[in-house]
Protein backbone atom coordinates (compact mmCIF):
# COMPACT_ATOMS: atom_id res chain seq x y z
CA MET A 1 -38.10 -7.40 -99.76
CA HIS A 2 -40.48 -5.81 -102.05
CA GLU A 3 -43.03 -5.35 -99.43
CA LEU A 4 -40.12 -3.38 -97.26
CA HIS A 5 -39.91 -0.76 -99.90
CA GLY A 6 -41.62 2.79 -100.06
CA PHE A 7 -42.24 4.50 -103.20
CA TYR A 8 -40.31 4.01 -106.29
CA PHE A 9 -39.18 7.14 -108.25
CA GLU A 10 -41.72 6.62 -110.93
CA GLU A 11 -44.55 6.43 -108.39
CA LEU A 12 -43.80 9.93 -107.08
CA THR A 13 -45.58 12.85 -108.21
CA VAL A 14 -44.96 16.70 -107.70
CA GLY A 15 -47.28 17.89 -104.75
CA GLN A 16 -47.29 14.44 -103.04
CA THR A 17 -47.19 14.92 -99.28
CA ASP A 18 -46.88 12.97 -96.25
CA VAL A 19 -46.72 13.92 -92.49
CA TYR A 20 -45.68 12.61 -89.19
CA GLY A 21 -46.43 13.97 -85.51
CA LYS A 22 -45.27 13.49 -82.12
CA THR A 23 -45.86 15.34 -78.86
CA ILE A 24 -42.49 16.24 -77.26
CA THR A 25 -41.88 15.00 -73.65
CA ASP A 26 -39.28 15.68 -71.13
CA ALA A 27 -38.01 12.14 -71.50
CA ASP A 28 -37.49 12.61 -75.45
CA ILE A 29 -35.39 15.75 -74.63
CA LEU A 30 -33.34 14.13 -71.96
CA MET A 31 -32.78 10.95 -74.27
CA PHE A 32 -31.77 13.09 -77.24
CA ALA A 33 -29.27 14.79 -75.03
CA GLY A 34 -28.06 11.53 -74.37
CA VAL A 35 -27.95 10.06 -77.86
CA SER A 36 -26.66 13.10 -79.49
CA GLY A 37 -24.25 14.24 -76.77
CA ASP A 38 -25.92 17.96 -77.00
CA THR A 39 -26.06 18.62 -73.24
CA ASN A 40 -26.52 22.65 -73.50
CA PRO A 41 -28.42 23.57 -70.44
CA VAL A 42 -31.03 25.62 -72.35
CA HIS A 43 -32.51 22.05 -73.13
CA LEU A 44 -31.79 20.46 -69.64
CA ASN A 45 -31.67 23.01 -66.92
CA HIS A 46 -34.96 25.02 -65.78
CA GLU A 47 -32.85 27.72 -64.04
CA PHE A 48 -30.44 28.35 -66.75
CA ALA A 49 -33.16 28.55 -69.36
CA THR A 50 -35.75 30.62 -67.59
CA PRO A 51 -34.09 33.96 -67.97
CA THR A 52 -33.00 33.42 -71.68
CA MET A 53 -35.27 34.68 -74.59
CA PHE A 54 -37.01 31.36 -74.61
CA GLU A 55 -38.20 31.72 -70.80
CA GLY A 56 -37.71 28.12 -70.21
CA ARG A 57 -36.24 24.98 -71.47
CA ILE A 58 -36.65 24.12 -75.05
CA ALA A 59 -36.29 21.05 -77.23
CA HIS A 60 -33.30 20.29 -79.36
CA GLY A 61 -33.99 21.88 -82.89
CA MET A 62 -32.49 18.63 -84.41
CA LEU A 63 -35.04 16.54 -82.25
CA SER A 64 -37.91 18.47 -84.06
CA ALA A 65 -35.75 18.18 -87.27
CA SER A 66 -35.39 14.39 -86.98
CA PHE A 67 -39.08 14.08 -87.61
CA ILE A 68 -38.63 15.06 -91.21
CA SER A 69 -36.27 12.27 -91.57
CA THR A 70 -39.08 10.06 -90.08
CA VAL A 71 -41.15 10.95 -93.02
CA ILE A 72 -38.86 10.63 -95.50
CA GLY A 73 -37.23 7.23 -94.25
CA THR A 74 -40.39 5.54 -93.25
CA LYS A 75 -43.35 7.12 -95.33
CA MET A 76 -42.52 9.03 -98.50
CA PRO A 77 -40.61 8.38 -100.37
CA GLY A 78 -39.85 5.55 -97.58
CA PRO A 79 -37.53 2.78 -97.20
CA GLY A 80 -34.91 2.49 -99.85
CA CYS A 81 -34.48 6.32 -100.46
CA ILE A 82 -31.16 7.88 -99.70
CA TYR A 83 -30.68 11.08 -98.11
CA VAL A 84 -28.62 13.47 -100.21
CA GLY A 85 -29.03 16.93 -98.37
CA GLN A 86 -30.97 18.93 -96.11
CA ASN A 87 -31.34 22.70 -95.48
CA LEU A 88 -33.05 23.76 -92.19
CA ARG A 89 -34.10 27.07 -90.90
CA PHE A 90 -35.23 27.21 -87.36
CA LYS A 91 -37.73 29.57 -86.97
CA ALA A 92 -39.39 29.08 -83.26
CA PRO A 93 -38.61 27.09 -80.18
CA VAL A 94 -40.41 23.96 -79.28
CA LYS A 95 -41.25 23.04 -75.71
CA ALA A 96 -42.06 19.89 -74.15
CA GLY A 97 -45.72 19.23 -74.39
CA ASP A 98 -45.66 20.70 -77.94
CA THR A 99 -46.96 18.70 -80.82
CA VAL A 100 -44.51 18.83 -83.74
CA MET A 101 -46.12 17.81 -87.40
CA ALA A 102 -43.47 17.25 -89.90
CA ARG A 103 -44.61 17.76 -93.61
CA VAL A 104 -42.59 16.44 -96.65
CA THR A 105 -43.96 17.71 -100.04
CA VAL A 106 -42.35 16.63 -103.55
CA GLU A 107 -41.34 19.71 -105.29
CA GLU A 108 -39.45 18.77 -108.32
CA LEU A 109 -38.32 15.27 -109.65
CA LEU A 110 -34.99 15.09 -111.47
CA PRO A 111 -35.37 11.86 -113.73
CA ALA A 112 -31.92 11.73 -115.12
CA LYS A 113 -30.48 11.33 -111.33
CA ARG A 114 -33.65 9.70 -110.00
CA MET A 115 -33.44 12.34 -107.30
CA ALA A 116 -36.47 14.31 -105.68
CA LYS A 117 -36.36 17.70 -104.24
CA LEU A 118 -38.55 18.07 -101.33
CA LYS A 119 -40.05 20.99 -99.12
CA THR A 120 -39.68 20.17 -95.56
CA ILE A 121 -41.66 22.03 -92.81
CA CYS A 122 -42.37 21.37 -89.01
CA TYR A 123 -45.32 22.85 -87.30
CA VAL A 124 -46.60 23.45 -83.76
CA GLY A 125 -50.16 24.33 -84.32
CA ASP A 126 -50.19 26.73 -87.14
CA LYS A 127 -46.78 28.06 -86.36
CA ILE A 128 -44.04 27.29 -88.54
CA VAL A 129 -40.83 25.98 -86.21
CA ILE A 130 -38.54 24.64 -88.88
CA ASP A 131 -38.56 25.45 -92.52
CA GLY A 132 -36.20 23.89 -95.21
CA ASP A 133 -35.69 21.39 -98.03
CA ALA A 134 -34.18 18.11 -98.72
CA THR A 135 -32.75 16.07 -101.77
CA VAL A 136 -33.22 12.34 -101.77
CA MET A 137 -32.16 9.64 -104.28
CA VAL A 138 -35.10 7.31 -105.08
CA PRO A 139 -34.75 3.74 -106.47
CA ALA A 140 -36.34 3.06 -109.89
CA LYS A 141 -39.09 0.37 -110.07
CA PRO A 142 -37.53 -2.90 -110.71
CA GLU A 143 -38.54 -4.18 -114.23
């Protein structure tokens, strides 16, 4: 099982960063609506969404935020860590065709609890679309 594991707590350093990027498609938005049950017409109905402040359909904020979970769960710290908390601030809309880059950076390590505090940001180009922070529990390296 060792090969399935991500970073151990002792292998993390403040400033360590990893990223994941994905271009959002109409299919992604439709599938996310189906899986989540969030069928708000601002995500699914062009006629409804056009007169809104967004001037068209937007992707679910939580779809973009899920890419933060992708970094945390698959890259850094990676498999074996446990999400404890996440704060998010949605700063700008994401539309089909936009490429979302999720960046996770270790901000603080709490050795007594084997927890890491992480800065979590999603970008489209140079624009921050989600700003947040997370706390994860990270397993200790086996002896």
